[in-house]
Amino acid sequence: MEWKPIETAPKNCRILGCTWHSELPHLYAPKMIIWAAYHPNSTGKECWRDDEIFGNKMESVTHWMPLPTPPQTKG
């Protein structure tokens, strides 16, 4: 799979996002992200957020790709 520009990302599912750090321009950090608001009553304030419990804003996401298919069996 190839990385695609974040502008082309679907906003109805979790994806793998890649963020750019201005202080460490050589470092890209892939992370599972989702398009969401911090609170359900925050309609119109959606943005890319990490998929952890606190849903931190991901302001520097530049690229995305679909999540890989999970393993089908243990071991």
N, C-alpha and C. Protein backbone atom coordinates (compact mmCIF):
# COMPACT_ATOMS: atom_id res chain seq x y z
N MET A 1 0.83 -1.18 0.00
CA MET A 1 0.00 0.00 0.00
C MET A 1 0.87 1.25 0.00
N GLU A 2 0.36 2.27 -0.62
CA GLU A 2 1.07 3.54 -0.71
C GLU A 2 0.42 4.59 0.19
N TRP A 3 1.23 5.49 0.72
CA TRP A 3 0.69 6.62 1.47
C TRP A 3 -0.01 7.56 0.50
N LYS A 4 -1.16 8.10 0.94
CA LYS A 4 -1.94 9.02 0.11
C LYS A 4 -2.09 10.35 0.85
N PRO A 5 -2.32 11.45 0.13
CA PRO A 5 -2.51 12.74 0.79
C PRO A 5 -3.72 12.70 1.73
N ILE A 6 -3.61 13.32 2.89
CA ILE A 6 -4.67 13.28 3.89
C ILE A 6 -5.98 13.87 3.37
N GLU A 7 -5.92 14.76 2.41
CA GLU A 7 -7.14 15.35 1.85
C GLU A 7 -8.04 14.31 1.18
N THR A 8 -7.47 13.16 0.82
CA THR A 8 -8.24 12.12 0.15
C THR A 8 -8.75 11.04 1.11
N ALA A 9 -8.50 11.20 2.40
CA ALA A 9 -8.84 10.17 3.39
C ALA A 9 -10.35 10.10 3.65
N PRO A 10 -10.88 8.88 3.84
CA PRO A 10 -12.28 8.75 4.23
C PRO A 10 -12.46 9.21 5.67
N LYS A 11 -13.60 9.79 5.97
CA LYS A 11 -13.83 10.30 7.32
C LYS A 11 -14.88 9.48 8.07
N ASN A 12 -15.11 8.26 7.60
CA ASN A 12 -16.13 7.41 8.23
C ASN A 12 -15.54 6.13 8.82
N CYS A 13 -14.22 6.08 8.99
CA CYS A 13 -13.59 4.88 9.54
C CYS A 13 -12.21 5.23 10.11
N ARG A 14 -11.65 4.31 10.86
CA ARG A 14 -10.30 4.50 11.38
C ARG A 14 -9.31 4.25 10.25
N ILE A 15 -8.23 5.03 10.26
CA ILE A 15 -7.18 4.88 9.25
C ILE A 15 -5.83 4.98 9.92
N LEU A 16 -4.78 4.70 9.18
CA LEU A 16 -3.43 4.91 9.66
C LEU A 16 -2.98 6.25 9.13
N GLY A 17 -2.71 7.19 10.04
CA GLY A 17 -2.28 8.52 9.64
C GLY A 17 -0.80 8.71 9.91
N CYS A 18 -0.18 9.58 9.17
CA CYS A 18 1.23 9.87 9.35
C CYS A 18 1.38 11.35 9.66
N THR A 19 2.01 11.66 10.77
CA THR A 19 2.17 13.05 11.20
C THR A 19 3.59 13.55 10.94
N TRP A 20 3.69 14.84 10.72
CA TRP A 20 4.98 15.48 10.48
C TRP A 20 5.30 16.36 11.68
N HIS A 21 6.52 16.27 12.17
CA HIS A 21 6.94 17.06 13.32
C HIS A 21 7.92 18.14 12.86
N SER A 22 7.55 19.41 13.05
CA SER A 22 8.39 20.51 12.57
C SER A 22 9.74 20.55 13.27
N GLU A 23 9.79 20.09 14.52
CA GLU A 23 11.06 20.11 15.25
C GLU A 23 11.97 18.95 14.84
N LEU A 24 11.37 17.89 14.31
CA LEU A 24 12.13 16.72 13.84
C LEU A 24 11.64 16.35 12.45
N PRO A 25 11.97 17.17 11.43
CA PRO A 25 11.40 16.97 10.10
C PRO A 25 11.72 15.62 9.46
N HIS A 26 12.72 14.94 9.95
CA HIS A 26 13.06 13.62 9.39
C HIS A 26 12.21 12.51 10.01
N LEU A 27 11.41 12.85 11.03
CA LEU A 27 10.67 11.83 11.76
C LEU A 27 9.17 11.87 11.42
N TYR A 28 8.70 10.80 10.85
CA TYR A 28 7.27 10.62 10.62
C TYR A 28 6.80 9.55 11.59
N ALA A 29 5.60 9.72 12.15
CA ALA A 29 5.10 8.78 13.14
C ALA A 29 3.73 8.26 12.75
N PRO A 30 3.62 7.04 12.19
CA PRO A 30 2.31 6.48 11.87
C PRO A 30 1.50 6.21 13.13
N LYS A 31 0.19 6.47 13.06
CA LYS A 31 -0.69 6.28 14.21
C LYS A 31 -2.10 6.06 13.72
N MET A 32 -2.88 5.22 14.44
CA MET A 32 -4.27 5.02 14.08
C MET A 32 -5.05 6.27 14.48
N ILE A 33 -5.81 6.82 13.52
CA ILE A 33 -6.56 8.05 13.76
C ILE A 33 -8.00 7.91 13.27
N ILE A 34 -8.83 8.86 13.69
CA ILE A 34 -10.23 8.88 13.28
C ILE A 34 -10.69 10.34 13.18
N TRP A 35 -11.64 10.62 12.28
CA TRP A 35 -12.22 11.95 12.12
C TRP A 35 -13.34 12.06 13.14
N ALA A 36 -13.20 12.92 14.13
CA ALA A 36 -14.20 13.00 15.19
C ALA A 36 -14.09 14.30 15.96
N ALA A 37 -15.14 14.60 16.70
CA ALA A 37 -15.13 15.72 17.64
C ALA A 37 -14.74 15.17 19.01
N TYR A 38 -14.27 16.03 19.89
CA TYR A 38 -13.88 15.59 21.23
C TYR A 38 -15.10 15.15 22.02
N HIS A 39 -16.22 15.78 21.80
CA HIS A 39 -17.45 15.48 22.54
C HIS A 39 -18.61 15.38 21.54
N PRO A 40 -19.56 14.48 21.75
CA PRO A 40 -20.68 14.33 20.80
C PRO A 40 -21.46 15.61 20.55
N ASN A 41 -21.48 16.53 21.50
CA ASN A 41 -22.20 17.79 21.33
C ASN A 41 -21.38 18.86 20.61
N SER A 42 -20.20 18.50 20.12
CA SER A 42 -19.32 19.46 19.45
C SER A 42 -19.47 19.39 17.94
N THR A 43 -20.68 19.30 17.44
CA THR A 43 -20.92 19.20 16.00
C THR A 43 -20.27 20.37 15.29
N GLY A 44 -19.60 20.09 14.19
CA GLY A 44 -18.92 21.13 13.42
C GLY A 44 -17.50 21.38 13.87
N LYS A 45 -17.05 20.72 14.93
CA LYS A 45 -15.68 20.90 15.43
C LYS A 45 -14.86 19.63 15.26
N GLU A 46 -15.23 18.81 14.27
CA GLU A 46 -14.49 17.58 14.03
C GLU A 46 -13.09 17.89 13.47
N CYS A 47 -12.17 16.98 13.74
CA CYS A 47 -10.82 17.07 13.19
C CYS A 47 -10.20 15.67 13.32
N TRP A 48 -9.00 15.50 12.79
CA TRP A 48 -8.32 14.22 12.95
C TRP A 48 -7.87 14.11 14.39
N ARG A 49 -8.15 12.96 15.01
CA ARG A 49 -7.77 12.71 16.39
C ARG A 49 -7.15 11.32 16.50
N ASP A 50 -6.24 11.17 17.48
CA ASP A 50 -5.71 9.83 17.68
C ASP A 50 -6.84 8.95 18.21
N ASP A 51 -6.70 7.67 18.05
CA ASP A 51 -7.78 6.74 18.39
C ASP A 51 -7.64 6.20 19.81
N GLU A 52 -7.02 6.98 20.68
CA GLU A 52 -6.89 6.59 22.07
C GLU A 52 -8.03 7.19 22.87
N ILE A 53 -8.11 6.86 24.12
CA ILE A 53 -9.25 7.24 24.95
C ILE A 53 -9.47 8.75 25.04
N PHE A 54 -8.42 9.55 25.00
CA PHE A 54 -8.58 11.00 25.14
C PHE A 54 -8.75 11.72 23.80
N GLY A 55 -8.49 11.07 22.70
CA GLY A 55 -8.72 11.65 21.38
C GLY A 55 -7.99 12.94 21.12
N ASN A 56 -6.68 12.98 21.37
CA ASN A 56 -5.89 14.19 21.12
C ASN A 56 -5.95 14.61 19.67
N LYS A 57 -5.99 15.93 19.42
CA LYS A 57 -5.97 16.44 18.05
C LYS A 57 -4.68 16.05 17.36
N MET A 58 -4.80 15.72 16.09
CA MET A 58 -3.65 15.39 15.26
C MET A 58 -3.58 16.48 14.19
N GLU A 59 -2.91 17.58 14.51
CA GLU A 59 -2.93 18.75 13.64
C GLU A 59 -1.95 18.68 12.48
N SER A 60 -1.00 17.79 12.54
CA SER A 60 0.01 17.77 11.49
C SER A 60 -0.03 16.49 10.65
N VAL A 61 -1.22 15.91 10.50
CA VAL A 61 -1.36 14.71 9.66
C VAL A 61 -1.21 15.10 8.20
N THR A 62 -0.31 14.45 7.49
CA THR A 62 -0.06 14.79 6.09
C THR A 62 -0.47 13.68 5.12
N HIS A 63 -0.44 12.41 5.58
CA HIS A 63 -0.72 11.29 4.70
C HIS A 63 -1.51 10.22 5.45
N TRP A 64 -2.10 9.30 4.69
CA TRP A 64 -2.88 8.23 5.28
C TRP A 64 -2.80 6.98 4.41
N MET A 65 -3.22 5.85 5.02
CA MET A 65 -3.44 4.60 4.29
C MET A 65 -4.43 3.77 5.09
N PRO A 66 -5.11 2.83 4.44
CA PRO A 66 -6.05 1.98 5.17
C PRO A 66 -5.32 1.14 6.21
N LEU A 67 -6.02 0.77 7.26
CA LEU A 67 -5.44 -0.13 8.25
C LEU A 67 -5.25 -1.51 7.60
N PRO A 68 -4.19 -2.20 7.97
CA PRO A 68 -4.00 -3.56 7.42
C PRO A 68 -5.08 -4.50 7.96
N THR A 69 -5.30 -5.60 7.27
CA THR A 69 -6.23 -6.61 7.72
C THR A 69 -5.64 -7.31 8.94
N PRO A 70 -6.41 -7.44 10.03
CA PRO A 70 -5.86 -8.11 11.22
C PRO A 70 -5.69 -9.60 10.97
N PRO A 71 -4.84 -10.25 11.76
CA PRO A 71 -4.66 -11.70 11.62
C PRO A 71 -5.98 -12.43 11.85
N GLN A 72 -6.16 -13.55 11.18
CA GLN A 72 -7.39 -14.31 11.28
C GLN A 72 -7.34 -15.37 12.39
N THR A 73 -6.14 -15.80 12.77
CA THR A 73 -5.99 -16.83 13.80
C THR A 73 -4.92 -16.42 14.78
N LYS A 74 -4.97 -17.01 15.96
CA LYS A 74 -3.93 -16.76 16.97
C LYS A 74 -2.66 -17.49 16.59
N GLY A 75 -1.54 -16.92 17.08
CA GLY A 75 -0.26 -17.60 16.97
C GLY A 75 0.40 -17.40 15.71
